[in-house]
Amino acid sequence: MSKKRVLLVDDAAVVRKVLSREIAKCPDIEVAATASNGRIALAKFPSVKPDIILLDIEMPEMDGLETVRELRKLDSSVPIIMFSTLTERGASVTLEALSSGATDYVTKPSNLDPNSSDVITRDLIPKIRGLCQLGAAPVVTAPELAPQTVLLHATPRLLAPARIVVIGVSTGGPDALARVLPLLPAPFPVPVLIAQHMPPIFTAMLAARLSSKSQVPVRECVSGEPLAPRGAVLAPGDYHMIVAPSGQSLVLKTHQAPKENFCRPSVDVLFRSVAEAFGERTLAVILTGMGQDGLKGCELLRSKGARIYVQDEASSVVWGMPGLVARAGLADKVLPLNLIASEIVRATTLQVAASATS
């Protein structure tokens, strides 16, 4: 099998050297070409025909944001990973790049150690492999699923309106959330809690961007705040978010217990806490994302009678998280992204009959 071809774009020679060295260790990936700025990358793109592009943000002549926009005029589907610094400006420009067509991002230290490859081997290489569809096939298998297929319950059951909505999402999440949350009406009758895999700084900025586009206010969680309807709450970067009892009421708390599924915030951590607090009155939604975070949480929610909706493969950037839940037979519905908001509204306002046919 031919190797997946990487176009590496970064103005720092040391970064190009370190990335090229680590990618060369992968038997099925190769750096096909490098460029020191976006203008050079655009000139090389037609002849290189890369399978994936790694793109720095801060570059002379043509920066990463402008390059993303120009690349998308040439190719609407080639995966683009932004390689950005963990700063306020880096977060802001990265989110703008994602809304302009970038696929994913990896944060890098402000000074990348030429002798260190931790960030590359831990974060970047797995994303390259995932977006290039490399690696072992999932252990769980199932037949192909059509959009809106209801997977469980041979006999119909009448489900009471959900009292809480929990959303788990990763790769492709900012764009997916930007397409779902603005379609939720205000005032929204139940709390909406979101675990999006993102580092600090990014989550606060993402919440602000989503809130500016939505009727429902979106904010980053403040530990100890009451759980309340009429808004969506995003788990802070590098913190788990949970629902916890406090006297006669429920509050949201954050903590830095060990990562689960290599993630903090973790979808599984959030889903477990909600399963205990709300049980069958939960609606869990798994959107696009790499890995298996959320699978165990969905297993627990299903055992308590909760309903579970997942994004379909065709509309997902990566059908890892939703695909595993669907293949495990845990999803009530597999839905294209453009139908998820309306199904959330339906599940929280009306009794919903779940059956073996949609």
Protein backbone atom coordinates (compact mmCIF):
# COMPACT_ATOMS: atom_id res chain seq x y z
CA MET A 1 0.00 0.00 0.00
CA SER A 2 1.31 3.47 -0.91
CA LYS A 3 2.13 5.84 1.92
CA LYS A 4 -0.14 8.76 2.79
CA ARG A 5 1.46 11.98 1.61
CA VAL A 6 1.89 14.93 3.95
CA LEU A 7 2.43 18.55 2.88
CA LEU A 8 4.18 20.24 5.82
CA VAL A 9 3.89 24.04 6.00
CA ASP A 10 5.80 25.93 8.72
CA ASP A 11 8.17 28.87 8.58
CA ALA A 12 10.43 27.45 11.32
CA ALA A 13 13.15 25.17 9.97
CA VAL A 14 13.47 23.38 13.32
CA VAL A 15 9.75 22.55 13.33
CA ARG A 16 9.93 21.19 9.79
CA LYS A 17 12.94 19.11 10.78
CA VAL A 18 11.37 17.64 13.92
CA LEU A 19 8.04 16.90 12.24
CA SER A 20 9.71 15.33 9.22
CA ARG A 21 11.88 13.15 11.47
CA GLU A 22 8.94 11.83 13.49
CA ILE A 23 6.67 11.29 10.49
CA ALA A 24 9.48 9.35 8.79
CA LYS A 25 9.25 6.79 11.61
CA CYS A 26 5.72 5.87 10.47
CA PRO A 27 5.73 3.10 7.87
CA ASP A 28 2.57 4.32 6.12
CA ILE A 29 3.05 8.13 6.21
CA GLU A 30 5.63 10.32 4.48
CA VAL A 31 6.40 14.03 4.14
CA ALA A 32 5.96 14.51 0.41
CA ALA A 33 6.92 18.20 0.47
CA THR A 34 7.57 21.12 2.81
CA ALA A 35 6.93 24.85 2.52
CA SER A 36 7.94 27.82 4.65
CA ASN A 37 4.75 29.80 4.03
CA GLY A 38 1.31 29.53 2.55
CA ARG A 39 2.16 31.02 -0.82
CA ILE A 40 4.80 28.35 -1.45
CA ALA A 41 2.41 25.65 -0.21
CA LEU A 42 -0.29 26.75 -2.66
CA ALA A 43 2.21 26.62 -5.51
CA LYS A 44 3.28 23.09 -4.57
CA PHE A 45 -0.19 21.73 -3.81
CA PRO A 46 -1.28 20.72 -7.37
CA SER A 47 1.87 18.68 -8.07
CA VAL A 48 2.30 17.20 -4.59
CA LYS A 49 -1.33 16.04 -4.31
CA PRO A 50 -1.10 15.52 -0.55
CA ASP A 51 -3.43 13.29 1.43
CA ILE A 52 -3.20 15.68 4.39
CA ILE A 53 -1.74 19.13 5.16
CA LEU A 54 -0.04 20.29 8.37
CA LEU A 55 -0.29 24.04 8.54
CA ASP A 56 1.30 26.56 10.88
CA ILE A 57 -0.64 29.71 11.74
CA GLU A 58 2.02 32.43 12.09
CA MET A 59 3.98 32.64 8.82
CA PRO A 60 5.36 35.45 6.62
CA GLU A 61 3.85 36.44 3.24
CA MET A 62 0.75 34.28 3.68
CA ASP A 63 -0.32 33.07 7.11
CA GLY A 64 -2.20 29.90 7.98
CA LEU A 65 -5.66 31.44 8.06
CA GLU A 66 -5.39 32.93 4.58
CA THR A 67 -3.82 29.69 3.35
CA VAL A 68 -6.75 27.62 4.62
CA ARG A 69 -9.19 29.80 2.71
CA GLU A 70 -7.16 29.55 -0.50
CA LEU A 71 -6.65 25.80 -0.14
CA ARG A 72 -10.38 25.28 0.22
CA LYS A 73 -10.87 26.97 -3.15
CA LEU A 74 -8.58 24.32 -4.65
CA ASP A 75 -9.80 21.28 -2.69
CA SER A 76 -12.83 21.08 -0.41
CA SER A 77 -12.01 17.77 1.22
CA VAL A 78 -8.27 17.30 1.87
CA PRO A 79 -7.75 17.24 5.66
CA ILE A 80 -5.95 20.27 7.10
CA ILE A 81 -4.47 20.17 10.62
CA MET A 82 -3.51 23.52 12.13
CA PHE A 83 -0.37 23.50 14.27
CA SER A 84 -0.91 26.38 16.70
CA THR A 85 0.50 27.75 19.92
CA LEU A 86 -1.44 27.54 23.18
CA THR A 87 -2.05 31.26 23.44
CA GLU A 88 -5.08 33.52 23.30
CA ARG A 89 -4.19 34.64 19.80
CA GLY A 90 -3.39 31.08 18.77
CA ALA A 91 -6.77 29.90 20.03
CA SER A 92 -8.65 32.73 18.34
CA VAL A 93 -7.00 32.24 14.96
CA THR A 94 -7.32 28.45 15.20
CA LEU A 95 -11.06 28.68 15.79
CA GLU A 96 -11.32 31.07 12.85
CA ALA A 97 -9.35 28.59 10.72
CA LEU A 98 -11.68 25.77 11.76
CA SER A 99 -14.69 27.84 10.73
CA SER A 100 -12.93 28.58 7.41
CA GLY A 101 -12.44 24.92 6.54
CA ALA A 102 -9.57 23.52 8.59
CA THR A 103 -10.28 20.00 9.82
CA ASP A 104 -8.50 19.84 13.17
CA TYR A 105 -5.65 21.33 15.14
CA VAL A 106 -2.79 20.42 17.47
CA THR A 107 -1.29 22.83 19.98
CA LYS A 108 2.49 23.09 20.09
CA PRO A 109 4.83 24.50 22.71
CA SER A 110 5.97 28.07 22.11
CA ASN A 111 9.51 26.67 21.86
CA LEU A 112 9.54 23.20 20.33
CA ASP A 113 12.48 21.20 21.67
CA PRO A 114 14.32 19.60 18.71
CA ASN A 115 15.05 16.56 20.90
CA SER A 116 11.49 16.15 22.16
CA SER A 117 8.72 14.47 20.22
CA ASP A 118 6.05 14.11 22.93
CA VAL A 119 3.49 16.46 21.36
CA ILE A 120 4.03 14.96 17.93
CA THR A 121 3.81 11.28 18.89
CA ARG A 122 1.02 11.78 21.45
CA ASP A 123 -1.21 14.25 19.63
CA LEU A 124 -0.26 14.89 16.02
CA ILE A 125 0.57 11.44 14.61
CA PRO A 126 -2.70 9.85 15.87
CA LYS A 127 -4.67 12.67 14.24
CA ILE A 128 -2.84 12.24 10.95
CA ARG A 129 -3.54 8.52 11.05
CA GLY A 130 -7.18 9.02 11.97
CA LEU A 131 -7.89 11.62 9.29
CA CYS A 132 -6.07 9.49 6.69
CA GLN A 133 -8.10 6.47 7.82
CA LEU A 134 -5.04 4.48 8.82
CA GLY A 135 -4.78 1.98 11.63
CA ALA A 136 -6.60 -1.08 12.83
CA ALA A 137 -10.30 -1.42 12.16
CA PRO A 138 -12.62 -1.10 15.16
CA VAL A 139 -13.18 -4.30 17.10
CA VAL A 140 -16.93 -3.78 17.22
CA THR A 141 -18.66 -4.45 13.92
CA ALA A 142 -22.19 -4.09 12.64
CA PRO A 143 -24.05 -3.78 9.31
CA GLU A 144 -24.05 -0.49 7.44
CA LEU A 145 -26.47 2.01 8.98
CA ALA A 146 -28.80 4.34 7.13
CA PRO A 147 -29.51 7.87 8.39
CA GLN A 148 -32.25 8.01 11.05
CA THR A 149 -32.15 4.24 11.57
CA VAL A 150 -33.56 3.32 14.97
CA LEU A 151 -31.40 0.47 16.15
CA LEU A 152 -33.03 -0.89 19.28
CA HIS A 153 -36.38 -1.77 20.76
CA ALA A 154 -38.22 -4.35 18.69
CA THR A 155 -41.43 -3.18 20.36
CA PRO A 156 -42.27 0.51 20.64
CA ARG A 157 -41.72 2.35 23.91
CA LEU A 158 -43.07 5.78 24.82
CA LEU A 159 -40.26 7.95 26.14
CA ALA A 160 -41.01 10.89 28.41
CA PRO A 161 -39.40 14.21 27.43
CA ALA A 162 -35.72 14.32 28.28
CA ARG A 163 -34.81 16.50 31.26
CA ILE A 164 -31.19 17.03 30.19
CA VAL A 165 -29.15 16.91 26.97
CA VAL A 166 -25.49 15.89 27.05
CA ILE A 167 -23.27 16.17 23.99
CA GLY A 168 -19.89 14.53 23.43
CA VAL A 169 -17.74 15.69 20.52
CA SER A 170 -14.13 15.88 19.38
CA THR A 171 -12.55 16.24 15.91
CA GLY A 172 -14.75 18.49 13.80
CA GLY A 173 -16.61 19.57 16.90
CA PRO A 174 -16.44 23.38 16.67
CA ASP A 175 -18.07 23.34 13.24
CA ALA A 176 -20.60 20.66 14.23
CA LEU A 177 -21.62 22.58 17.35
CA ALA A 178 -21.88 25.77 15.28
CA ARG A 179 -24.40 23.98 13.08
CA VAL A 180 -26.45 22.47 15.91
CA LEU A 181 -26.63 24.98 18.77
CA PRO A 182 -27.87 27.97 16.73
CA LEU A 183 -30.92 25.90 15.75
CA LEU A 184 -32.03 25.37 19.36
CA PRO A 185 -34.82 27.77 20.34
CA ALA A 186 -34.76 30.07 23.35
CA PRO A 187 -35.77 29.66 26.04
CA PHE A 188 -34.61 26.06 25.92
CA PRO A 189 -36.48 23.88 28.45
CA VAL A 190 -33.60 21.74 29.78
CA PRO A 191 -29.86 22.09 30.50
CA VAL A 192 -27.43 21.30 27.67
CA LEU A 193 -23.97 20.08 28.75
CA ILE A 194 -21.11 19.67 26.29
CA ALA A 195 -17.79 17.85 26.55
CA GLN A 196 -15.64 18.99 23.61
CA HIS A 197 -12.05 17.77 23.52
CA MET A 198 -10.11 21.06 23.69
CA PRO A 199 -7.30 22.59 25.75
CA PRO A 200 -7.58 25.62 28.07
CA ILE A 201 -8.20 29.03 26.47
CA PHE A 202 -9.81 27.36 23.46
CA THR A 203 -12.98 26.30 25.29
CA ALA A 204 -13.74 29.79 26.66
CA MET A 205 -13.30 31.28 23.19
CA LEU A 206 -15.37 28.53 21.58
CA ALA A 207 -18.21 29.13 24.06
CA ALA A 208 -18.16 32.86 23.29
CA ARG A 209 -18.20 32.24 19.53
CA LEU A 210 -21.07 29.77 19.79
CA SER A 211 -23.03 32.07 22.08
CA SER A 212 -22.73 34.95 19.62
CA LYS A 213 -24.39 32.82 16.94
CA SER A 214 -27.05 31.09 19.05
CA GLN A 215 -30.39 31.95 20.61
CA VAL A 216 -29.41 29.80 23.58
CA PRO A 217 -26.56 31.32 25.63
CA VAL A 218 -23.39 29.22 25.66
CA ARG A 219 -20.72 29.58 28.34
CA GLU A 220 -17.78 27.76 29.86
CA CYS A 221 -18.57 25.99 33.13
CA VAL A 222 -17.81 27.61 36.47
CA SER A 223 -17.37 24.92 39.11
CA GLY A 224 -20.18 24.97 41.69
CA GLU A 225 -22.76 26.75 39.53
CA PRO A 226 -26.34 25.46 39.73
CA LEU A 227 -27.52 23.14 37.01
CA ALA A 228 -30.20 25.10 35.19
CA PRO A 229 -32.09 25.12 31.88
CA ARG A 230 -32.10 27.86 29.23
CA GLY A 231 -28.40 27.60 28.39
CA ALA A 232 -25.58 25.38 27.15
CA VAL A 233 -22.48 24.81 29.28
CA LEU A 234 -19.11 23.74 27.89
CA ALA A 235 -16.58 21.78 29.96
CA PRO A 236 -13.40 23.85 30.47
CA GLY A 237 -10.23 22.70 28.74
CA ASP A 238 -8.12 20.33 30.90
CA TYR A 239 -11.01 19.83 33.38
CA HIS A 240 -13.63 17.12 33.67
CA MET A 241 -17.18 18.40 34.16
CA ILE A 242 -19.77 16.49 36.19
CA VAL A 243 -23.27 16.87 37.60
CA ALA A 244 -23.20 16.48 41.39
CA PRO A 245 -25.78 16.70 44.20
CA SER A 246 -25.64 19.70 46.53
CA GLY A 247 -28.28 19.55 49.25
CA GLN A 248 -31.64 19.25 47.52
CA SER A 249 -30.37 20.49 44.15
CA LEU A 250 -27.81 19.67 41.48
CA VAL A 251 -24.70 21.65 40.58
CA LEU A 252 -21.97 21.46 37.98
CA LYS A 253 -18.47 20.76 39.21
CA THR A 254 -15.10 20.57 37.50
CA HIS A 255 -12.05 18.60 38.58
CA GLN A 256 -8.70 17.39 37.30
CA ALA A 257 -8.88 13.68 38.01
CA PRO A 258 -6.74 11.57 35.64
CA LYS A 259 -7.55 11.69 31.94
CA GLU A 260 -9.91 9.06 30.56
CA ASN A 261 -9.48 7.85 27.00
CA PHE A 262 -6.48 10.22 26.97
CA CYS A 263 -8.94 13.10 27.34
CA ARG A 264 -9.75 15.81 29.86
CA PRO A 265 -12.52 16.83 29.61
CA SER A 266 -13.84 13.33 29.00
CA VAL A 267 -17.26 12.50 27.60
CA ASP A 268 -17.40 9.31 29.67
CA VAL A 269 -16.86 11.22 32.92
CA LEU A 270 -19.70 13.63 32.13
CA PHE A 271 -22.05 10.90 30.93
CA ARG A 272 -21.50 8.76 34.04
CA SER A 273 -22.47 11.61 36.34
CA VAL A 274 -25.56 12.41 34.31
CA ALA A 275 -26.58 8.75 34.20
CA GLU A 276 -26.66 8.70 37.99
CA ALA A 277 -28.56 11.97 38.28
CA PHE A 278 -31.09 11.66 35.45
CA GLY A 279 -31.11 8.03 34.24
CA GLU A 280 -33.72 7.39 31.58
CA ARG A 281 -34.62 11.08 31.33
CA THR A 282 -31.30 11.77 29.60
CA LEU A 283 -30.74 12.43 25.91
CA ALA A 284 -27.09 11.76 24.99
CA VAL A 285 -25.75 12.94 21.64
CA ILE A 286 -22.43 11.82 20.19
CA LEU A 287 -21.12 14.00 17.38
CA THR A 288 -18.08 13.70 15.14
CA GLY A 289 -14.85 12.70 16.83
CA MET A 290 -11.82 10.44 16.89
CA GLY A 291 -11.37 7.62 19.41
CA GLN A 292 -13.85 5.93 21.73
CA ASP A 293 -14.57 8.50 24.44
CA GLY A 294 -18.27 8.29 25.23
CA LEU A 295 -18.72 4.59 24.47
CA LYS A 296 -18.67 3.42 28.10
CA GLY A 297 -20.80 6.35 29.17
CA CYS A 298 -23.38 5.43 26.54
CA GLU A 299 -23.34 1.82 27.72
CA LEU A 300 -24.22 3.00 31.24
CA LEU A 301 -26.89 5.40 30.00
CA ARG A 302 -28.45 2.69 27.84
CA SER A 303 -28.60 0.34 30.84
CA LYS A 304 -30.67 2.99 32.62
CA GLY A 305 -33.05 3.46 29.72
CA ALA A 306 -31.72 6.75 28.34
CA ARG A 307 -31.98 7.53 24.66
CA ILE A 308 -28.88 8.05 22.52
CA TYR A 309 -28.52 9.78 19.17
CA VAL A 310 -25.33 9.79 17.09
CA GLN A 311 -24.18 11.71 14.04
CA ASP A 312 -24.02 9.67 10.85
CA GLU A 313 -20.82 8.79 9.01
CA ALA A 314 -21.50 10.87 5.92
CA SER A 315 -21.70 14.16 7.82
CA SER A 316 -18.93 13.39 10.35
CA VAL A 317 -15.35 14.56 9.92
CA VAL A 318 -14.31 11.36 11.70
CA TRP A 319 -16.82 8.60 12.49
CA GLY A 320 -14.85 7.26 15.44
CA MET A 321 -16.80 8.18 18.56
CA PRO A 322 -20.28 8.08 16.98
CA GLY A 323 -19.40 5.05 14.87
CA LEU A 324 -18.39 2.91 17.83
CA VAL A 325 -21.58 3.77 19.71
CA ALA A 326 -23.67 2.96 16.63
CA ARG A 327 -21.83 -0.29 15.90
CA ALA A 328 -22.26 -1.37 19.51
CA GLY A 329 -26.04 -1.16 19.06
CA LEU A 330 -26.42 1.62 21.63
CA ALA A 331 -27.92 4.35 19.42
CA ASP A 332 -31.63 4.96 19.08
CA LYS A 333 -31.01 7.06 15.99
CA VAL A 334 -28.15 7.71 13.57
CA LEU A 335 -28.74 11.16 12.13
CA PRO A 336 -27.19 13.54 9.62
CA LEU A 337 -25.90 16.68 11.28
CA ASN A 338 -28.63 18.88 9.81
CA LEU A 339 -31.37 16.90 11.59
CA ILE A 340 -29.80 16.64 15.04
CA ALA A 341 -31.04 19.97 16.42
CA SER A 342 -34.66 19.27 15.46
CA GLU A 343 -34.45 15.81 17.03
CA ILE A 344 -33.04 17.31 20.24
CA VAL A 345 -35.95 19.76 20.36
CA ARG A 346 -38.42 16.95 19.71
CA ALA A 347 -36.95 14.75 22.45
CA THR A 348 -37.07 17.53 25.04
CA THR A 349 -40.58 18.80 24.32
CA LEU A 350 -42.63 15.79 23.25
CA GLN A 351 -43.07 12.19 24.24
CA VAL A 352 -41.13 10.17 21.68
CA ALA A 353 -42.00 6.67 20.51
CA ALA A 354 -38.87 4.59 19.85
CA SER A 355 -39.35 1.49 17.70
CA ALA A 356 -37.46 -0.82 15.37
CA THR A 357 -38.22 1.37 12.34
CA SER A 358 -37.76 5.08 11.85
